[in-house]
Amino acid sequence: MESEQILGFTSGLMDANTWLITLTDKRIIFLDKGMIYGLKQSIVELDKVNAVSGSTGLVFGTITITDGANDRLIKNVWKKTVKNFTNKVHEALEARKSPQQAVQQTQDKEVDPYEQLEKIAGLKDKGIISEEEFETQKKKILEAT
């Protein structure tokens, strides 16, 4: 995808095959370079991810990614990558929250409107929201005061 950034990756066993799992700022991509059948690919858009969790053992761990009715269990993930990968997914999910959710959370905490404006300006500066979304949210904040 255009302007998509890779945030993290790991590998492990899923459905009896070894998969490369790549996290971007927009989706999670599962790639299996099969020895016989060629390349298999599965994609989960971040907007569809409901939960992600991980657990570790002595050497390996597991990661579970839930989207809708599907649980993707990835086993034999290197222990040192489990926590890092799951944390990065959580961070990416937070970053993808809609501007309305971000503003609503801010309003729920009864924050000063100027602080709200600073926060949405920060989202705009980071490219998380567009200029139009910024202006819409700014108008709502100013109308509420």
N, C-alpha and C. Protein backbone atom coordinates (compact mmCIF):
# COMPACT_ATOMS: atom_id res chain seq x y z
N MET A 1 0.83 -1.18 0.00
CA MET A 1 0.00 0.00 0.00
C MET A 1 0.87 1.25 0.00
N GLU A 2 0.34 2.30 -0.58
CA GLU A 2 1.06 3.56 -0.63
C GLU A 2 1.24 4.11 0.78
N SER A 3 2.42 4.57 1.09
CA SER A 3 2.81 5.17 2.37
C SER A 3 2.58 4.26 3.58
N GLU A 4 2.61 2.99 3.36
CA GLU A 4 2.46 2.04 4.46
C GLU A 4 3.83 1.80 5.09
N GLN A 5 3.86 1.79 6.42
CA GLN A 5 5.12 1.61 7.13
C GLN A 5 5.12 0.30 7.90
N ILE A 6 6.23 -0.42 7.82
CA ILE A 6 6.39 -1.64 8.60
C ILE A 6 6.76 -1.26 10.02
N LEU A 7 6.00 -1.80 10.98
CA LEU A 7 6.22 -1.49 12.39
C LEU A 7 6.90 -2.63 13.13
N GLY A 8 6.72 -3.85 12.64
CA GLY A 8 7.32 -5.00 13.31
C GLY A 8 7.06 -6.27 12.53
N PHE A 9 7.81 -7.32 12.89
CA PHE A 9 7.59 -8.62 12.26
C PHE A 9 8.11 -9.72 13.17
N THR A 10 7.60 -10.90 12.93
CA THR A 10 8.05 -12.10 13.64
C THR A 10 7.67 -13.29 12.77
N SER A 11 7.95 -14.47 13.25
CA SER A 11 7.55 -15.67 12.51
C SER A 11 7.18 -16.75 13.50
N GLY A 12 6.42 -17.72 13.00
CA GLY A 12 6.01 -18.83 13.84
C GLY A 12 5.17 -19.81 13.06
N LEU A 13 4.71 -20.85 13.74
CA LEU A 13 3.90 -21.89 13.12
C LEU A 13 2.42 -21.57 13.23
N MET A 14 1.73 -21.65 12.11
CA MET A 14 0.28 -21.48 12.07
C MET A 14 -0.24 -22.46 11.03
N ASP A 15 -1.22 -23.24 11.40
CA ASP A 15 -1.78 -24.24 10.49
C ASP A 15 -0.69 -25.17 9.95
N ALA A 16 0.22 -25.55 10.82
CA ALA A 16 1.30 -26.50 10.51
C ALA A 16 2.32 -25.98 9.49
N ASN A 17 2.32 -24.69 9.21
CA ASN A 17 3.29 -24.09 8.30
C ASN A 17 3.99 -22.93 9.01
N THR A 18 5.19 -22.60 8.56
CA THR A 18 5.92 -21.46 9.10
C THR A 18 5.51 -20.21 8.35
N TRP A 19 5.07 -19.20 9.09
CA TRP A 19 4.58 -17.96 8.51
C TRP A 19 5.43 -16.78 8.97
N LEU A 20 5.63 -15.83 8.08
CA LEU A 20 6.20 -14.54 8.43
C LEU A 20 5.01 -13.63 8.72
N ILE A 21 5.01 -13.01 9.89
CA ILE A 21 3.91 -12.12 10.27
C ILE A 21 4.48 -10.70 10.32
N THR A 22 3.93 -9.83 9.49
CA THR A 22 4.42 -8.46 9.37
C THR A 22 3.32 -7.50 9.80
N LEU A 23 3.66 -6.60 10.71
CA LEU A 23 2.74 -5.57 11.17
C LEU A 23 3.08 -4.26 10.47
N THR A 24 2.09 -3.65 9.86
CA THR A 24 2.26 -2.31 9.29
C THR A 24 1.33 -1.37 10.03
N ASP A 25 1.37 -0.11 9.67
CA ASP A 25 0.48 0.85 10.31
C ASP A 25 -0.96 0.73 9.82
N LYS A 26 -1.22 -0.19 8.88
CA LYS A 26 -2.56 -0.37 8.34
C LYS A 26 -3.11 -1.79 8.47
N ARG A 27 -2.22 -2.79 8.58
CA ARG A 27 -2.69 -4.18 8.56
C ARG A 27 -1.63 -5.13 9.11
N ILE A 28 -2.06 -6.38 9.29
CA ILE A 28 -1.15 -7.46 9.64
C ILE A 28 -1.15 -8.42 8.45
N ILE A 29 0.05 -8.72 7.95
CA ILE A 29 0.18 -9.56 6.76
C ILE A 29 0.83 -10.88 7.18
N PHE A 30 0.20 -11.98 6.79
CA PHE A 30 0.73 -13.32 7.04
C PHE A 30 1.21 -13.89 5.72
N LEU A 31 2.47 -14.29 5.64
CA LEU A 31 3.03 -14.85 4.41
C LEU A 31 3.61 -16.23 4.69
N ASP A 32 3.25 -17.19 3.85
CA ASP A 32 3.79 -18.54 3.94
C ASP A 32 4.39 -18.89 2.59
N LYS A 33 5.70 -19.03 2.54
CA LYS A 33 6.38 -19.44 1.31
C LYS A 33 6.45 -20.95 1.34
N GLY A 34 5.40 -21.58 0.87
CA GLY A 34 5.33 -23.04 0.87
C GLY A 34 6.35 -23.66 -0.05
N MET A 35 6.82 -24.84 0.32
CA MET A 35 7.81 -25.54 -0.50
C MET A 35 7.18 -26.11 -1.76
N ILE A 36 5.91 -26.47 -1.67
CA ILE A 36 5.27 -27.12 -2.82
C ILE A 36 4.23 -26.20 -3.47
N TYR A 37 3.44 -25.54 -2.67
CA TYR A 37 2.29 -24.81 -3.20
C TYR A 37 2.56 -23.34 -3.51
N GLY A 38 3.74 -22.87 -3.31
CA GLY A 38 4.03 -21.46 -3.59
C GLY A 38 3.64 -20.56 -2.43
N LEU A 39 3.43 -19.31 -2.72
CA LEU A 39 3.19 -18.30 -1.70
C LEU A 39 1.71 -18.25 -1.31
N LYS A 40 1.46 -18.32 0.01
CA LYS A 40 0.11 -18.11 0.55
C LYS A 40 0.15 -16.82 1.35
N GLN A 41 -0.91 -16.05 1.26
CA GLN A 41 -0.97 -14.77 1.94
C GLN A 41 -2.33 -14.59 2.60
N SER A 42 -2.32 -14.01 3.77
CA SER A 42 -3.54 -13.67 4.48
C SER A 42 -3.33 -12.28 5.07
N ILE A 43 -4.36 -11.46 5.03
CA ILE A 43 -4.24 -10.08 5.51
C ILE A 43 -5.38 -9.79 6.47
N VAL A 44 -5.05 -9.12 7.56
CA VAL A 44 -6.05 -8.64 8.50
C VAL A 44 -5.86 -7.13 8.64
N GLU A 45 -6.86 -6.38 8.25
CA GLU A 45 -6.80 -4.93 8.41
C GLU A 45 -6.83 -4.60 9.90
N LEU A 46 -6.06 -3.62 10.33
CA LEU A 46 -6.01 -3.28 11.75
C LEU A 46 -7.38 -2.90 12.30
N ASP A 47 -8.22 -2.31 11.46
CA ASP A 47 -9.56 -1.94 11.89
C ASP A 47 -10.39 -3.17 12.29
N LYS A 48 -10.00 -4.33 11.80
CA LYS A 48 -10.74 -5.57 12.08
C LYS A 48 -10.20 -6.33 13.29
N VAL A 49 -9.04 -5.94 13.80
CA VAL A 49 -8.43 -6.66 14.92
C VAL A 49 -9.17 -6.30 16.21
N ASN A 50 -9.69 -7.33 16.89
CA ASN A 50 -10.40 -7.13 18.15
C ASN A 50 -9.47 -7.27 19.35
N ALA A 51 -8.50 -8.19 19.24
CA ALA A 51 -7.61 -8.45 20.36
C ALA A 51 -6.32 -9.08 19.87
N VAL A 52 -5.27 -8.89 20.64
CA VAL A 52 -4.00 -9.56 20.39
C VAL A 52 -3.40 -9.88 21.75
N SER A 53 -2.86 -11.08 21.88
CA SER A 53 -2.25 -11.47 23.15
C SER A 53 -1.05 -12.36 22.86
N GLY A 54 -0.21 -12.49 23.85
CA GLY A 54 0.98 -13.33 23.70
C GLY A 54 1.32 -13.99 25.02
N SER A 55 2.01 -15.10 24.93
CA SER A 55 2.51 -15.79 26.11
C SER A 55 3.86 -16.39 25.74
N THR A 56 4.71 -16.55 26.75
CA THR A 56 6.04 -17.08 26.49
C THR A 56 6.35 -18.26 27.38
N GLY A 57 7.21 -19.14 26.84
CA GLY A 57 7.73 -20.27 27.59
C GLY A 57 9.22 -20.07 27.78
N LEU A 58 9.95 -21.15 27.87
CA LEU A 58 11.39 -21.05 28.07
C LEU A 58 12.11 -20.47 26.87
N VAL A 59 11.78 -20.95 25.68
CA VAL A 59 12.45 -20.50 24.47
C VAL A 59 11.47 -19.87 23.48
N PHE A 60 10.29 -20.46 23.37
CA PHE A 60 9.29 -20.00 22.41
C PHE A 60 8.06 -19.47 23.11
N GLY A 61 7.22 -18.82 22.32
CA GLY A 61 5.96 -18.32 22.84
C GLY A 61 4.88 -18.45 21.79
N THR A 62 3.72 -17.91 22.11
CA THR A 62 2.59 -17.91 21.17
C THR A 62 2.01 -16.50 21.10
N ILE A 63 1.43 -16.22 19.96
CA ILE A 63 0.71 -14.96 19.74
C ILE A 63 -0.67 -15.34 19.21
N THR A 64 -1.70 -14.72 19.76
CA THR A 64 -3.06 -14.94 19.27
C THR A 64 -3.60 -13.60 18.79
N ILE A 65 -4.09 -13.60 17.55
CA ILE A 65 -4.68 -12.40 16.95
C ILE A 65 -6.13 -12.73 16.63
N THR A 66 -7.04 -11.94 17.20
CA THR A 66 -8.47 -12.18 17.01
C THR A 66 -9.06 -11.07 16.16
N ASP A 67 -9.75 -11.47 15.11
CA ASP A 67 -10.48 -10.52 14.27
C ASP A 67 -11.84 -11.11 13.97
N GLY A 68 -12.87 -10.51 14.50
CA GLY A 68 -14.21 -11.03 14.29
C GLY A 68 -14.33 -12.40 14.92
N ALA A 69 -14.66 -13.39 14.12
CA ALA A 69 -14.85 -14.75 14.62
C ALA A 69 -13.59 -15.59 14.52
N ASN A 70 -12.52 -15.05 13.96
CA ASN A 70 -11.30 -15.83 13.75
C ASN A 70 -10.25 -15.57 14.81
N ASP A 71 -9.68 -16.66 15.33
CA ASP A 71 -8.51 -16.59 16.19
C ASP A 71 -7.36 -17.18 15.42
N ARG A 72 -6.33 -16.39 15.24
CA ARG A 72 -5.13 -16.90 14.58
C ARG A 72 -4.09 -17.17 15.66
N LEU A 73 -3.78 -18.43 15.90
CA LEU A 73 -2.81 -18.83 16.91
C LEU A 73 -1.49 -19.13 16.22
N ILE A 74 -0.49 -18.36 16.58
CA ILE A 74 0.85 -18.55 16.01
C ILE A 74 1.72 -19.13 17.12
N LYS A 75 2.23 -20.33 16.90
CA LYS A 75 3.05 -21.02 17.89
C LYS A 75 4.52 -20.95 17.49
N ASN A 76 5.38 -21.34 18.40
CA ASN A 76 6.83 -21.39 18.17
C ASN A 76 7.39 -20.06 17.70
N VAL A 77 6.90 -18.99 18.31
CA VAL A 77 7.42 -17.65 18.05
C VAL A 77 8.59 -17.44 19.00
N TRP A 78 9.70 -16.91 18.50
CA TRP A 78 10.84 -16.67 19.38
C TRP A 78 10.39 -15.82 20.56
N LYS A 79 10.73 -16.28 21.74
CA LYS A 79 10.31 -15.65 22.99
C LYS A 79 10.58 -14.14 23.00
N LYS A 80 11.76 -13.74 22.55
CA LYS A 80 12.13 -12.33 22.62
C LYS A 80 11.30 -11.43 21.70
N THR A 81 10.58 -12.00 20.74
CA THR A 81 9.78 -11.16 19.83
C THR A 81 8.30 -11.09 20.21
N VAL A 82 7.85 -11.97 21.10
CA VAL A 82 6.41 -12.04 21.43
C VAL A 82 5.92 -10.73 22.03
N LYS A 83 6.53 -10.30 23.11
CA LYS A 83 6.07 -9.09 23.81
C LYS A 83 6.24 -7.86 22.92
N ASN A 84 7.36 -7.76 22.24
CA ASN A 84 7.62 -6.62 21.36
C ASN A 84 6.55 -6.53 20.26
N PHE A 85 6.24 -7.66 19.63
CA PHE A 85 5.27 -7.66 18.54
C PHE A 85 3.87 -7.31 19.06
N THR A 86 3.44 -7.94 20.15
CA THR A 86 2.09 -7.67 20.68
C THR A 86 1.97 -6.22 21.15
N ASN A 87 3.02 -5.67 21.75
CA ASN A 87 3.00 -4.26 22.16
C ASN A 87 2.87 -3.34 20.96
N LYS A 88 3.59 -3.66 19.90
CA LYS A 88 3.52 -2.82 18.69
C LYS A 88 2.12 -2.88 18.05
N VAL A 89 1.48 -4.05 18.11
CA VAL A 89 0.11 -4.15 17.59
C VAL A 89 -0.82 -3.26 18.43
N HIS A 90 -0.68 -3.33 19.75
CA HIS A 90 -1.51 -2.48 20.62
C HIS A 90 -1.28 -1.00 20.31
N GLU A 91 -0.03 -0.60 20.13
CA GLU A 91 0.27 0.79 19.80
C GLU A 91 -0.34 1.19 18.46
N ALA A 92 -0.26 0.31 17.48
CA ALA A 92 -0.84 0.60 16.17
C ALA A 92 -2.35 0.72 16.25
N LEU A 93 -2.98 -0.12 17.07
CA LEU A 93 -4.43 -0.04 17.24
C LEU A 93 -4.83 1.28 17.90
N GLU A 94 -4.08 1.71 18.89
CA GLU A 94 -4.35 3.00 19.54
C GLU A 94 -4.22 4.14 18.54
N ALA A 95 -3.18 4.08 17.72
CA ALA A 95 -2.94 5.14 16.75
C ALA A 95 -4.04 5.20 15.69
N ARG A 96 -4.73 4.08 15.46
CA ARG A 96 -5.75 4.03 14.42
C ARG A 96 -7.13 4.41 14.92
N LYS A 97 -7.26 4.69 16.20
CA LYS A 97 -8.57 5.10 16.70
C LYS A 97 -9.05 6.30 15.91
N SER A 98 -10.33 6.34 15.69
CA SER A 98 -10.88 7.45 14.91
C SER A 98 -10.71 8.75 15.68
N PRO A 99 -10.62 9.85 14.97
CA PRO A 99 -10.50 11.15 15.63
C PRO A 99 -11.66 11.40 16.59
N GLN A 100 -12.85 10.92 16.25
CA GLN A 100 -14.00 11.11 17.13
C GLN A 100 -13.79 10.38 18.45
N GLN A 101 -13.23 9.15 18.39
CA GLN A 101 -12.95 8.41 19.61
C GLN A 101 -11.92 9.14 20.44
N ALA A 102 -10.88 9.66 19.81
CA ALA A 102 -9.84 10.38 20.53
C ALA A 102 -10.42 11.63 21.20
N VAL A 103 -11.24 12.37 20.47
CA VAL A 103 -11.85 13.57 21.04
C VAL A 103 -12.84 13.20 22.13
N GLN A 104 -13.62 12.13 21.94
CA GLN A 104 -14.59 11.70 22.94
C GLN A 104 -13.89 11.30 24.22
N GLN A 105 -12.79 10.56 24.13
CA GLN A 105 -12.03 10.17 25.31
C GLN A 105 -11.52 11.41 26.02
N THR A 106 -11.08 12.39 25.27
CA THR A 106 -10.59 13.63 25.84
C THR A 106 -11.72 14.36 26.54
N GLN A 107 -12.89 14.40 25.92
CA GLN A 107 -14.03 15.09 26.50
C GLN A 107 -14.51 14.37 27.75
N ASP A 108 -14.46 13.06 27.77
CA ASP A 108 -14.87 12.29 28.93
C ASP A 108 -14.03 12.62 30.15
N LYS A 109 -12.81 13.01 29.95
CA LYS A 109 -11.92 13.35 31.07
C LYS A 109 -12.09 14.82 31.49
N GLU A 110 -13.03 15.54 30.87
CA GLU A 110 -13.27 16.95 31.15
C GLU A 110 -11.98 17.77 31.07
N VAL A 111 -11.33 17.67 29.95
CA VAL A 111 -10.09 18.39 29.71
C VAL A 111 -10.40 19.77 29.16
N ASP A 112 -9.55 20.68 29.46
CA ASP A 112 -9.65 22.04 28.95
C ASP A 112 -9.74 22.01 27.42
N PRO A 113 -10.63 22.81 26.82
CA PRO A 113 -10.77 22.80 25.36
C PRO A 113 -9.46 23.13 24.62
N TYR A 114 -8.62 23.96 25.24
CA TYR A 114 -7.34 24.29 24.60
C TYR A 114 -6.43 23.07 24.56
N GLU A 115 -6.50 22.24 25.61
CA GLU A 115 -5.73 20.99 25.61
C GLU A 115 -6.25 20.04 24.54
N GLN A 116 -7.58 20.01 24.37
CA GLN A 116 -8.17 19.18 23.32
C GLN A 116 -7.68 19.62 21.95
N LEU A 117 -7.66 20.93 21.73
CA LEU A 117 -7.20 21.45 20.44
C LEU A 117 -5.73 21.10 20.21
N GLU A 118 -4.91 21.17 21.25
CA GLU A 118 -3.51 20.80 21.12
C GLU A 118 -3.36 19.33 20.75
N LYS A 119 -4.19 18.48 21.36
CA LYS A 119 -4.10 17.05 21.07
C LYS A 119 -4.49 16.73 19.64
N ILE A 120 -5.60 17.32 19.16
CA ILE A 120 -5.98 17.01 17.79
C ILE A 120 -5.03 17.65 16.79
N ALA A 121 -4.42 18.79 17.17
CA ALA A 121 -3.40 19.39 16.30
C ALA A 121 -2.20 18.45 16.21
N GLY A 122 -1.86 17.80 17.31
CA GLY A 122 -0.77 16.82 17.31
C GLY A 122 -1.09 15.64 16.41
N LEU A 123 -2.36 15.18 16.44
CA LEU A 123 -2.76 14.07 15.57
C LEU A 123 -2.64 14.49 14.10
N LYS A 124 -3.02 15.73 13.82
CA LYS A 124 -2.91 16.23 12.44
C LYS A 124 -1.45 16.31 12.02
N ASP A 125 -0.60 16.83 12.91
CA ASP A 125 0.82 16.97 12.60
C ASP A 125 1.49 15.62 12.35
N LYS A 126 1.02 14.59 13.04
CA LYS A 126 1.58 13.25 12.86
C LYS A 126 1.00 12.54 11.63
N GLY A 127 0.01 13.15 11.01
CA GLY A 127 -0.59 12.55 9.82
C GLY A 127 -1.66 11.53 10.14
N ILE A 128 -2.08 11.45 11.41
CA ILE A 128 -3.09 10.47 11.80
C ILE A 128 -4.47 10.92 11.35
N ILE A 129 -4.71 12.23 11.38
CA ILE A 129 -5.97 12.76 10.87
C ILE A 129 -5.66 13.80 9.79
N SER A 130 -6.63 13.98 8.91
CA SER A 130 -6.46 14.94 7.82
C SER A 130 -6.80 16.35 8.30
N GLU A 131 -6.51 17.32 7.45
CA GLU A 131 -6.85 18.72 7.74
C GLU A 131 -8.36 18.87 7.91
N GLU A 132 -9.13 18.17 7.06
CA GLU A 132 -10.60 18.25 7.14
C GLU A 132 -11.10 17.69 8.46
N GLU A 133 -10.55 16.51 8.88
CA GLU A 133 -10.95 15.92 10.15
C GLU A 133 -10.58 16.84 11.31
N PHE A 134 -9.41 17.46 11.22
CA PHE A 134 -8.97 18.40 12.24
C PHE A 134 -9.97 19.55 12.36
N GLU A 135 -10.33 20.13 11.23
CA GLU A 135 -11.24 21.28 11.25
C GLU A 135 -12.60 20.89 11.81
N THR A 136 -13.09 19.70 11.46
CA THR A 136 -14.37 19.22 11.97
C THR A 136 -14.32 19.07 13.48
N GLN A 137 -13.28 18.43 13.98
CA GLN A 137 -13.14 18.23 15.42
C GLN A 137 -12.93 19.56 16.15
N LYS A 138 -12.17 20.45 15.55
CA LYS A 138 -11.93 21.77 16.14
C LYS A 138 -13.25 22.52 16.29
N LYS A 139 -14.07 22.43 15.25
CA LYS A 139 -15.37 23.11 15.30
C LYS A 139 -16.24 22.54 16.43
N LYS A 140 -16.24 21.21 16.59
CA LYS A 140 -17.02 20.58 17.66
C LYS A 140 -16.54 21.02 19.03
N ILE A 141 -15.24 21.08 19.21
CA ILE A 141 -14.67 21.49 20.50
C ILE A 141 -15.05 22.93 20.82
N LEU A 142 -14.91 23.80 19.81
CA LEU A 142 -15.21 25.21 20.04
C LEU A 142 -16.69 25.45 20.26
N GLU A 143 -17.55 24.66 19.61
CA GLU A 143 -19.00 24.79 19.81
C GLU A 143 -19.42 24.31 21.20
N ALA A 144 -18.67 23.36 21.77
CA ALA A 144 -19.00 22.80 23.08
C ALA A 144 -18.62 23.74 24.22
N THR A 145 -17.80 24.74 23.93
CA THR A 145 -17.37 25.65 25.01
C THR A 145 -18.29 26.82 25.19
